[in-house]
Amino acid sequence: MKPLRIFVALILSAGASLTARAMYLHAKADLASVLIHRAWNKTVVDGQPHPPWPWADTYPVARLGIPRLEYDEVVLEGATPRTLAFGPARLFSGAGLGEPGNVELAGHRTSWFRPLESLEDGDQIQVQWFDARKRELRERTYNVDEIRIVAPEDVPLLTPPSGDALTLITCYPFGRSPRSPQRFVVLASPAGPSRLTDTSPFARRAQL
């Protein structure tokens, strides 16, 4: 019976270790989310970039919302692998927030951009950012024009629906499949010009 007891003890110990690790990672993700939202709130107030923690190599640059899906996330600067672990992020290959051109945002298919699988043509996407030149908080609404599933090498070849555009990119298929050989790309065009906003639903939901 002694070998059996040792085996059971090892199984229980391994299970406890895995549970503790999962709890730690979940708590770490929750804390990171709180710190990122607080950093964004500071930017909304003073217009300055605020890293969410002292050693962070990124900072919040925008708020991304999809009303029909009740989606609401803070966007970080620079879609590096490390940054994407904490939220959707802006690709340096695209235009800056509030600048002419195509704003490109990326996110993981298993987390930040998982809700995009429910997105439909015609849905509205809202982007809020702080315009440093005008020293004001602005917001722009985009309409989804097209959703495409393409090979990774074809993503740069996609033509935005207009000169000023928004593109969302994630891996495909969604979920925790071990392979994601394709890319899920959302092409959207502005529903109108950007507008000054002081009492945006984003700002109200951001108070943590």
C-alpha atoms as a PDB file:
ATOM      1  CA  MET A   1       0.000   0.000   0.000  1.00  0.00           C
ATOM      2  CA  LYS A   2       2.943   2.346   0.561  1.00  0.00           C
ATOM      3  CA  PRO A   3       3.634   2.915  -3.171  1.00  0.00           C
ATOM      4  CA  LEU A   4      -0.048   3.694  -3.694  1.00  0.00           C
ATOM      5  CA  ARG A   5       0.001   6.260  -0.886  1.00  0.00           C
ATOM      6  CA  ILE A   6       3.091   7.884  -2.374  1.00  0.00           C
ATOM      7  CA  PHE A   7       1.432   8.000  -5.803  1.00  0.00           C
ATOM      8  CA  VAL A   8      -1.738   9.562  -4.375  1.00  0.00           C
ATOM      9  CA  ALA A   9       0.330  12.098  -2.420  1.00  0.00           C
ATOM     10  CA  LEU A  10       2.221  13.065  -5.597  1.00  0.00           C
ATOM     11  CA  ILE A  11      -1.035  13.477  -7.541  1.00  0.00           C
ATOM     12  CA  LEU A  12      -2.532  15.653  -4.804  1.00  0.00           C
ATOM     13  CA  SER A  13       0.649  17.725  -4.572  1.00  0.00           C
ATOM     14  CA  ALA A  14       0.739  18.269  -8.347  1.00  0.00           C
ATOM     15  CA  GLY A  15      -2.947  19.218  -8.364  1.00  0.00           C
ATOM     16  CA  ALA A  16      -2.432  21.715  -5.550  1.00  0.00           C
ATOM     17  CA  SER A  17       0.550  23.249  -7.356  1.00  0.00           C
ATOM     18  CA  LEU A  18      -1.403  23.636 -10.603  1.00  0.00           C
ATOM     19  CA  THR A  19      -4.366  25.148  -8.756  1.00  0.00           C
ATOM     20  CA  ALA A  20      -2.130  27.602  -6.923  1.00  0.00           C
ATOM     21  CA  ARG A  21      -0.427  28.619 -10.168  1.00  0.00           C
ATOM     22  CA  ALA A  22      -3.778  29.151 -11.894  1.00  0.00           C
ATOM     23  CA  MET A  23      -4.992  31.300  -8.997  1.00  0.00           C
ATOM     24  CA  TYR A  24      -1.764  33.314  -9.080  1.00  0.00           C
ATOM     25  CA  LEU A  25      -2.000  33.963 -12.836  1.00  0.00           C
ATOM     26  CA  HIS A  26      -5.668  34.948 -12.524  1.00  0.00           C
ATOM     27  CA  ALA A  27      -4.918  37.358  -9.679  1.00  0.00           C
ATOM     28  CA  LYS A  28      -1.985  38.795 -11.632  1.00  0.00           C
ATOM     29  CA  ALA A  29      -4.204  39.384 -14.690  1.00  0.00           C
ATOM     30  CA  ASP A  30      -6.886  41.062 -12.561  1.00  0.00           C
ATOM     31  CA  LEU A  31      -4.324  43.364 -10.926  1.00  0.00           C
ATOM     32  CA  ALA A  32      -2.810  44.258 -14.309  1.00  0.00           C
ATOM     33  CA  SER A  33      -6.260  45.178 -15.626  1.00  0.00           C
ATOM     34  CA  VAL A  34      -6.902  47.487 -12.665  1.00  0.00           C
ATOM     35  CA  LEU A  35      -3.523  49.190 -13.088  1.00  0.00           C
ATOM     36  CA  ILE A  36      -4.027  49.629 -16.845  1.00  0.00           C
ATOM     37  CA  HIS A  37      -7.454  51.215 -16.339  1.00  0.00           C
ATOM     38  CA  ARG A  38      -6.068  53.540 -13.683  1.00  0.00           C
ATOM     39  CA  ALA A  39      -3.248  54.576 -16.021  1.00  0.00           C
ATOM     40  CA  TRP A  40      -5.812  55.324 -18.746  1.00  0.00           C
ATOM     41  CA  ASN A  41      -7.874  57.408 -16.313  1.00  0.00           C
ATOM     42  CA  LYS A  42      -4.776  59.509 -15.570  1.00  0.00           C
ATOM     43  CA  THR A  43      -4.229  60.048 -19.292  1.00  0.00           C
ATOM     44  CA  VAL A  44      -7.844  61.167 -19.684  1.00  0.00           C
ATOM     45  CA  VAL A  45      -7.217  63.798 -16.981  1.00  0.00           C
ATOM     46  CA  ASP A  46      -3.809  65.183 -17.944  1.00  0.00           C
ATOM     47  CA  GLY A  47      -3.166  63.898 -21.471  1.00  0.00           C
ATOM     48  CA  GLN A  48       0.192  62.395 -20.550  1.00  0.00           C
ATOM     49  CA  PRO A  49       1.260  58.776 -21.171  1.00  0.00           C
ATOM     50  CA  HIS A  50       1.237  56.771 -17.943  1.00  0.00           C
ATOM     51  CA  PRO A  51       2.836  53.305 -17.768  1.00  0.00           C
ATOM     52  CA  PRO A  52       0.563  51.039 -15.704  1.00  0.00           C
ATOM     53  CA  TRP A  53       3.515  49.935 -13.538  1.00  0.00           C
ATOM     54  CA  PRO A  54       7.031  51.396 -13.177  1.00  0.00           C
ATOM     55  CA  TRP A  55       8.854  48.813 -15.327  1.00  0.00           C
ATOM     56  CA  ALA A  56       6.195  48.659 -18.088  1.00  0.00           C
ATOM     57  CA  ASP A  57       7.446  49.331 -21.623  1.00  0.00           C
ATOM     58  CA  THR A  58       3.958  50.316 -22.798  1.00  0.00           C
ATOM     59  CA  TYR A  59       1.096  52.601 -21.792  1.00  0.00           C
ATOM     60  CA  PRO A  60      -2.620  53.043 -22.597  1.00  0.00           C
ATOM     61  CA  VAL A  61      -3.343  55.027 -25.758  1.00  0.00           C
ATOM     62  CA  ALA A  62      -7.054  54.455 -26.384  1.00  0.00           C
ATOM     63  CA  ARG A  63     -10.299  52.867 -25.333  1.00  0.00           C
ATOM     64  CA  LEU A  64     -11.998  50.405 -27.695  1.00  0.00           C
ATOM     65  CA  GLY A  65     -15.709  49.641 -27.513  1.00  0.00           C
ATOM     66  CA  ILE A  66     -18.248  47.590 -29.470  1.00  0.00           C
ATOM     67  CA  PRO A  67     -21.686  48.554 -28.094  1.00  0.00           C
ATOM     68  CA  ARG A  68     -23.680  45.588 -29.429  1.00  0.00           C
ATOM     69  CA  LEU A  69     -21.249  43.118 -27.867  1.00  0.00           C
ATOM     70  CA  GLU A  70     -20.847  45.188 -24.665  1.00  0.00           C
ATOM     71  CA  TYR A  71     -17.132  45.065 -25.388  1.00  0.00           C
ATOM     72  CA  ASP A  72     -14.882  47.579 -23.628  1.00  0.00           C
ATOM     73  CA  GLU A  73     -11.091  47.355 -23.404  1.00  0.00           C
ATOM     74  CA  VAL A  74      -8.157  49.710 -22.975  1.00  0.00           C
ATOM     75  CA  VAL A  75      -5.684  49.681 -25.884  1.00  0.00           C
ATOM     76  CA  LEU A  76      -1.952  49.661 -25.185  1.00  0.00           C
ATOM     77  CA  GLU A  77       0.841  51.098 -27.314  1.00  0.00           C
ATOM     78  CA  GLY A  78       2.954  48.708 -29.393  1.00  0.00           C
ATOM     79  CA  ALA A  79       1.687  45.215 -30.250  1.00  0.00           C
ATOM     80  CA  THR A  80       4.711  43.301 -28.947  1.00  0.00           C
ATOM     81  CA  PRO A  81       4.245  39.784 -27.546  1.00  0.00           C
ATOM     82  CA  ARG A  82       4.790  41.085 -24.004  1.00  0.00           C
ATOM     83  CA  THR A  83       2.261  43.921 -24.409  1.00  0.00           C
ATOM     84  CA  LEU A  84      -0.385  41.679 -26.010  1.00  0.00           C
ATOM     85  CA  ALA A  85      -0.358  39.555 -22.858  1.00  0.00           C
ATOM     86  CA  PHE A  86      -2.051  42.459 -21.046  1.00  0.00           C
ATOM     87  CA  GLY A  87      -4.506  43.774 -23.633  1.00  0.00           C
ATOM     88  CA  PRO A  88      -5.177  44.735 -27.245  1.00  0.00           C
ATOM     89  CA  ALA A  89      -2.487  46.971 -28.690  1.00  0.00           C
ATOM     90  CA  ARG A  90      -1.746  49.350 -31.548  1.00  0.00           C
ATOM     91  CA  LEU A  91       0.478  48.121 -34.356  1.00  0.00           C
ATOM     92  CA  PHE A  92       3.307  50.505 -35.210  1.00  0.00           C
ATOM     93  CA  SER A  93       2.721  49.760 -38.908  1.00  0.00           C
ATOM     94  CA  GLY A  94      -0.572  51.655 -38.788  1.00  0.00           C
ATOM     95  CA  ALA A  95      -1.516  55.277 -38.218  1.00  0.00           C
ATOM     96  CA  GLY A  96      -1.466  56.858 -34.791  1.00  0.00           C
ATOM     97  CA  LEU A  97      -4.680  57.608 -32.926  1.00  0.00           C
ATOM     98  CA  GLY A  98      -6.272  60.718 -34.405  1.00  0.00           C
ATOM     99  CA  GLU A  99      -3.877  60.788 -37.364  1.00  0.00           C
ATOM    100  CA  PRO A 100      -4.904  60.338 -41.019  1.00  0.00           C
ATOM    101  CA  GLY A 101      -4.629  56.765 -42.216  1.00  0.00           C
ATOM    102  CA  ASN A 102      -5.425  53.254 -41.100  1.00  0.00           C
ATOM    103  CA  VAL A 103      -5.326  52.602 -37.344  1.00  0.00           C
ATOM    104  CA  GLU A 104      -4.342  48.943 -36.815  1.00  0.00           C
ATOM    105  CA  LEU A 105      -5.106  47.138 -33.554  1.00  0.00           C
ATOM    106  CA  ALA A 106      -4.210  43.558 -32.643  1.00  0.00           C
ATOM    107  CA  GLY A 107      -5.300  41.237 -29.853  1.00  0.00           C
ATOM    108  CA  HIS A 108      -5.158  37.591 -28.821  1.00  0.00           C
ATOM    109  CA  ARG A 109      -7.838  35.239 -30.196  1.00  0.00           C
ATOM    110  CA  THR A 110      -8.109  33.515 -26.805  1.00  0.00           C
ATOM    111  CA  SER A 111      -8.782  36.614 -24.726  1.00  0.00           C
ATOM    112  CA  TRP A 112      -8.892  40.295 -25.735  1.00  0.00           C
ATOM    113  CA  PHE A 113     -10.223  39.763 -29.268  1.00  0.00           C
ATOM    114  CA  ARG A 114     -12.164  36.534 -28.648  1.00  0.00           C
ATOM    115  CA  PRO A 115     -15.472  38.511 -28.747  1.00  0.00           C
ATOM    116  CA  LEU A 116     -14.745  39.482 -32.365  1.00  0.00           C
ATOM    117  CA  GLU A 117     -16.049  36.099 -33.492  1.00  0.00           C
ATOM    118  CA  SER A 118     -19.554  37.495 -32.818  1.00  0.00           C
ATOM    119  CA  LEU A 119     -18.924  40.686 -34.805  1.00  0.00           C
ATOM    120  CA  GLU A 120     -21.122  41.322 -37.868  1.00  0.00           C
ATOM    121  CA  ASP A 121     -21.038  43.630 -40.872  1.00  0.00           C
ATOM    122  CA  GLY A 122     -22.544  46.983 -39.956  1.00  0.00           C
ATOM    123  CA  ASP A 123     -21.646  46.799 -36.270  1.00  0.00           C
ATOM    124  CA  GLN A 124     -20.310  49.983 -34.737  1.00  0.00           C
ATOM    125  CA  ILE A 125     -16.868  50.236 -33.146  1.00  0.00           C
ATOM    126  CA  GLN A 126     -15.971  53.185 -30.926  1.00  0.00           C
ATOM    127  CA  VAL A 127     -12.440  54.434 -30.332  1.00  0.00           C
ATOM    128  CA  GLN A 128     -11.561  57.082 -27.748  1.00  0.00           C
ATOM    129  CA  TRP A 129      -8.158  58.734 -27.405  1.00  0.00           C
ATOM    130  CA  PHE A 130      -6.545  61.862 -26.008  1.00  0.00           C
ATOM    131  CA  ASP A 131      -5.510  64.343 -28.695  1.00  0.00           C
ATOM    132  CA  ALA A 132      -2.214  65.715 -27.326  1.00  0.00           C
ATOM    133  CA  ARG A 133      -2.092  68.544 -29.878  1.00  0.00           C
ATOM    134  CA  LYS A 134      -5.529  69.885 -29.020  1.00  0.00           C
ATOM    135  CA  ARG A 135      -5.326  68.813 -25.364  1.00  0.00           C
ATOM    136  CA  GLU A 136      -8.754  67.189 -25.462  1.00  0.00           C
ATOM    137  CA  LEU A 137     -10.414  63.793 -25.271  1.00  0.00           C
ATOM    138  CA  ARG A 138     -11.901  62.697 -28.588  1.00  0.00           C
ATOM    139  CA  GLU A 139     -13.997  59.809 -29.831  1.00  0.00           C
ATOM    140  CA  ARG A 140     -14.729  58.334 -33.244  1.00  0.00           C
ATOM    141  CA  THR A 141     -17.265  55.754 -34.383  1.00  0.00           C
ATOM    142  CA  TYR A 142     -16.493  53.272 -37.157  1.00  0.00           C
ATOM    143  CA  ASN A 143     -18.802  50.971 -39.101  1.00  0.00           C
ATOM    144  CA  VAL A 144     -17.694  47.403 -39.865  1.00  0.00           C
ATOM    145  CA  ASP A 145     -17.509  47.111 -43.658  1.00  0.00           C
ATOM    146  CA  GLU A 146     -15.951  43.707 -44.106  1.00  0.00           C
ATOM    147  CA  ILE A 147     -14.716  40.710 -42.142  1.00  0.00           C
ATOM    148  CA  ARG A 148     -12.146  38.494 -43.820  1.00  0.00           C
ATOM    149  CA  ILE A 149     -10.197  35.343 -42.945  1.00  0.00           C
ATOM    150  CA  VAL A 150      -6.849  35.323 -44.722  1.00  0.00           C
ATOM    151  CA  ALA A 151      -3.338  33.900 -44.600  1.00  0.00           C
ATOM    152  CA  PRO A 152      -0.864  35.916 -42.477  1.00  0.00           C
ATOM    153  CA  GLU A 153       1.076  37.036 -45.553  1.00  0.00           C
ATOM    154  CA  ASP A 154      -2.117  38.452 -47.083  1.00  0.00           C
ATOM    155  CA  VAL A 155      -2.904  40.828 -44.205  1.00  0.00           C
ATOM    156  CA  PRO A 156      -0.675  43.673 -45.514  1.00  0.00           C
ATOM    157  CA  LEU A 157      -2.378  43.361 -48.916  1.00  0.00           C
ATOM    158  CA  LEU A 158      -5.862  44.132 -47.608  1.00  0.00           C
ATOM    159  CA  THR A 159      -7.121  47.529 -48.716  1.00  0.00           C
ATOM    160  CA  PRO A 160      -8.852  49.634 -46.038  1.00  0.00           C
ATOM    161  CA  PRO A 161     -12.366  50.780 -46.985  1.00  0.00           C
ATOM    162  CA  SER A 162     -11.300  54.427 -46.870  1.00  0.00           C
ATOM    163  CA  GLY A 163      -8.273  56.655 -46.399  1.00  0.00           C
ATOM    164  CA  ASP A 164      -9.092  56.936 -42.708  1.00  0.00           C
ATOM    165  CA  ALA A 165      -9.876  53.466 -41.436  1.00  0.00           C
ATOM    166  CA  LEU A 166      -9.732  51.050 -38.524  1.00  0.00           C
ATOM    167  CA  THR A 167      -8.439  47.496 -38.849  1.00  0.00           C
ATOM    168  CA  LEU A 168      -8.662  44.853 -36.115  1.00  0.00           C
ATOM    169  CA  ILE A 169      -6.448  41.775 -36.455  1.00  0.00           C
ATOM    170  CA  THR A 170      -6.317  38.515 -34.526  1.00  0.00           C
ATOM    171  CA  CYS A 171      -5.338  34.901 -35.153  1.00  0.00           C
ATOM    172  CA  TYR A 172      -7.885  32.351 -36.397  1.00  0.00           C
ATOM    173  CA  PRO A 173      -9.585  30.064 -35.501  1.00  0.00           C
ATOM    174  CA  PHE A 174     -10.758  31.479 -32.179  1.00  0.00           C
ATOM    175  CA  GLY A 175     -10.342  29.633 -28.905  1.00  0.00           C
ATOM    176  CA  ARG A 176      -7.491  27.526 -27.589  1.00  0.00           C
ATOM    177  CA  SER A 177      -6.863  25.398 -30.653  1.00  0.00           C
ATOM    178  CA  PRO A 178      -3.143  24.509 -30.770  1.00  0.00           C
ATOM    179  CA  ARG A 179      -2.871  25.945 -34.275  1.00  0.00           C
ATOM    180  CA  SER A 180      -3.982  29.300 -35.662  1.00  0.00           C
ATOM    181  CA  PRO A 181      -2.726  29.346 -39.266  1.00  0.00           C
ATOM    182  CA  GLN A 182      -4.992  32.160 -40.467  1.00  0.00           C
ATOM    183  CA  ARG A 183      -5.839  35.731 -39.535  1.00  0.00           C
ATOM    184  CA  PHE A 184      -9.260  37.206 -38.738  1.00  0.00           C
ATOM    185  CA  VAL A 185      -9.344  40.777 -40.048  1.00  0.00           C
ATOM    186  CA  VAL A 186     -12.037  43.397 -39.463  1.00  0.00           C
ATOM    187  CA  LEU A 187     -12.101  46.377 -41.846  1.00  0.00           C
ATOM    188  CA  ALA A 188     -14.062  49.425 -40.707  1.00  0.00           C
ATOM    189  CA  SER A 189     -14.565  52.978 -41.961  1.00  0.00           C
ATOM    190  CA  PRO A 190     -15.498  56.148 -40.045  1.00  0.00           C
ATOM    191  CA  ALA A 191     -19.200  56.784 -39.487  1.00  0.00           C
ATOM    192  CA  GLY A 192     -18.358  60.482 -39.256  1.00  0.00           C
ATOM    193  CA  PRO A 193     -15.675  62.867 -38.012  1.00  0.00           C
ATOM    194  CA  SER A 194     -14.180  62.509 -34.566  1.00  0.00           C
ATOM    195  CA  ARG A 195     -15.907  64.444 -31.813  1.00  0.00           C
ATOM    196  CA  LEU A 196     -14.950  66.046 -28.546  1.00  0.00           C
ATOM    197  CA  THR A 197     -16.140  63.989 -25.599  1.00  0.00           C
ATOM    198  CA  ASP A 198     -16.224  64.739 -21.880  1.00  0.00           C
ATOM    199  CA  THR A 199     -18.953  62.408 -20.627  1.00  0.00           C
ATOM    200  CA  SER A 200     -18.327  59.331 -22.741  1.00  0.00           C
ATOM    201  CA  PRO A 201     -19.683  55.982 -21.499  1.00  0.00           C
ATOM    202  CA  PHE A 202     -16.051  54.859 -21.713  1.00  0.00           C
ATOM    203  CA  ALA A 203     -14.977  57.443 -19.165  1.00  0.00           C
ATOM    204  CA  ARG A 204     -17.804  56.524 -16.796  1.00  0.00           C
ATOM    205  CA  ARG A 205     -17.014  52.795 -16.993  1.00  0.00           C
ATOM    206  CA  ALA A 206     -13.319  53.496 -16.473  1.00  0.00           C
ATOM    207  CA  GLN A 207     -13.691  54.664 -12.872  1.00  0.00           C
ATOM    208  CA  LEU A 208     -12.093  51.896 -10.788  1.00  0.00           C
END
